[in-house]
Amino acid sequence: MEVKKYLAYRFEFWKEILDRKHWVMYLYPPPFELSELKELFTGGRINPVTEVIEKYTKAYMVDAAEPPPEIAGAIKNFADDIACGREVVVRAGDYIAIHNFMRAQKKAK
């Protein structure tokens, strides 16, 4: 299987797992409020920095879309971590670059 197809499957798999809202449907009624489950699974993904990282890293790895030059180094660091099977590490410089990029995008609007 080619790498691009593998990465597309990997991102789609995680999207399906994390977006799943009714995995306890066999229990009626569910033993807890489903909003609690959503909060549990999306708690770390609500951060706007995380959304920017996911968006551009996925585009770079799956669609071969070059990230914006301001954050290209950071996105390529994250892609390298994923491709090598390491835990993704957000370095201080990468975090600052992404925040500056987000501020510039906000000012442009």
Protein backbone atom coordinates (compact mmCIF):
# COMPACT_ATOMS: atom_id res chain seq x y z
CA MET A 1 0.00 0.00 0.00
CA GLU A 2 1.44 3.36 -0.91
CA VAL A 3 2.26 5.78 1.88
CA LYS A 4 -0.23 8.46 0.82
CA LYS A 5 -3.11 6.00 0.80
CA TYR A 6 -2.03 4.59 4.18
CA LEU A 7 -1.92 8.07 5.72
CA ALA A 8 -5.34 8.92 4.28
CA TYR A 9 -6.76 5.76 5.86
CA ARG A 10 -5.04 6.55 9.15
CA PHE A 11 -6.48 10.08 9.34
CA GLU A 12 -9.93 8.84 8.31
CA PHE A 13 -9.80 6.07 10.92
CA TRP A 14 -8.98 8.50 13.72
CA LYS A 15 -11.63 10.93 12.51
CA GLU A 16 -14.24 8.17 12.64
CA ILE A 17 -13.14 6.97 16.07
CA LEU A 18 -13.03 10.44 17.63
CA ASP A 19 -16.24 11.65 16.00
CA ARG A 20 -18.23 8.58 17.00
CA LYS A 21 -21.03 9.67 19.29
CA HIS A 22 -23.11 6.55 19.75
CA TRP A 23 -20.73 3.67 20.32
CA VAL A 24 -22.87 2.54 23.24
CA MET A 25 -26.11 2.30 21.23
CA TYR A 26 -26.62 -1.33 22.20
CA LEU A 27 -27.41 -0.07 25.71
CA TYR A 28 -30.74 1.65 25.89
CA PRO A 29 -30.79 4.09 27.52
CA PRO A 30 -27.06 4.77 27.71
CA PRO A 31 -25.64 4.61 31.22
CA PHE A 32 -24.44 8.23 30.97
CA GLU A 33 -25.04 11.45 29.06
CA LEU A 34 -23.55 11.25 25.56
CA SER A 35 -22.37 14.85 25.78
CA GLU A 36 -19.95 13.67 28.49
CA LEU A 37 -18.51 11.18 26.02
CA LYS A 38 -18.09 13.87 23.38
CA GLU A 39 -16.36 16.09 25.90
CA LEU A 40 -14.02 13.25 26.83
CA PHE A 41 -12.98 12.52 23.24
CA THR A 42 -12.76 16.10 22.00
CA GLY A 43 -11.26 17.70 25.08
CA GLY A 44 -7.74 17.88 23.67
CA ARG A 45 -8.87 18.71 20.14
CA ILE A 46 -10.83 21.89 20.81
CA ASN A 47 -7.70 24.02 21.02
CA PRO A 48 -7.42 26.18 17.85
CA VAL A 49 -3.69 25.48 17.66
CA THR A 50 -4.46 21.77 17.47
CA GLU A 51 -6.95 22.38 14.68
CA VAL A 52 -4.39 24.35 12.64
CA ILE A 53 -1.75 21.68 13.19
CA GLU A 54 -4.14 18.88 12.17
CA LYS A 55 -5.44 20.74 9.11
CA TYR A 56 -2.07 21.58 7.57
CA THR A 57 -0.30 18.38 8.61
CA LYS A 58 -3.05 16.27 7.06
CA ALA A 59 -3.00 18.37 3.88
CA TYR A 60 0.79 18.03 3.68
CA MET A 61 0.91 14.30 4.30
CA VAL A 62 -2.19 13.12 2.43
CA ASP A 63 -2.68 15.65 -0.36
CA ALA A 64 0.99 16.73 -0.74
CA ALA A 65 -0.14 20.35 -0.31
CA GLU A 66 2.72 22.59 0.73
CA PRO A 67 1.95 24.38 4.04
CA PRO A 68 2.12 28.18 4.31
CA PRO A 69 5.75 29.34 4.48
CA GLU A 70 5.28 30.87 7.95
CA ILE A 71 4.56 27.47 9.51
CA ALA A 72 6.13 25.12 6.96
CA GLY A 73 8.96 24.13 9.30
CA ALA A 74 6.61 23.33 12.15
CA ILE A 75 4.23 21.32 9.97
CA LYS A 76 7.11 19.34 8.49
CA ASN A 77 8.38 18.58 12.02
CA PHE A 78 4.95 17.19 12.95
CA ALA A 79 4.75 15.20 9.71
CA ASP A 80 8.21 13.78 10.35
CA ASP A 81 7.17 12.66 13.84
CA ILE A 82 4.05 10.96 12.47
CA ALA A 83 5.85 9.31 9.56
CA CYS A 84 8.53 7.90 11.89
CA GLY A 85 5.94 6.59 14.34
CA ARG A 86 7.03 8.89 17.15
CA GLU A 87 4.74 10.77 19.49
CA VAL A 88 4.16 14.24 18.06
CA VAL A 89 6.11 16.81 20.03
CA VAL A 90 5.18 20.48 19.84
CA ARG A 91 8.43 22.38 20.18
CA ALA A 92 8.41 25.92 21.60
CA GLY A 93 9.48 27.49 18.30
CA ASP A 94 6.80 25.59 16.39
CA TYR A 95 4.13 26.68 18.87
CA ILE A 96 5.19 30.32 18.60
CA ALA A 97 5.27 30.17 14.79
CA ILE A 98 1.75 28.72 14.68
CA HIS A 99 0.43 31.35 17.10
CA ASN A 100 1.99 34.14 15.04
CA PHE A 101 0.46 32.62 11.89
CA MET A 102 -2.96 32.45 13.54
CA ARG A 103 -2.70 36.09 14.67
CA ALA A 104 -1.74 37.19 11.15
CA GLN A 105 -4.70 35.24 9.72
CA LYS A 106 -7.05 36.84 12.24
CA LYS A 107 -5.77 40.36 11.43
CA ALA A 108 -6.15 39.69 7.69
CA LYS A 109 -9.86 38.98 8.14
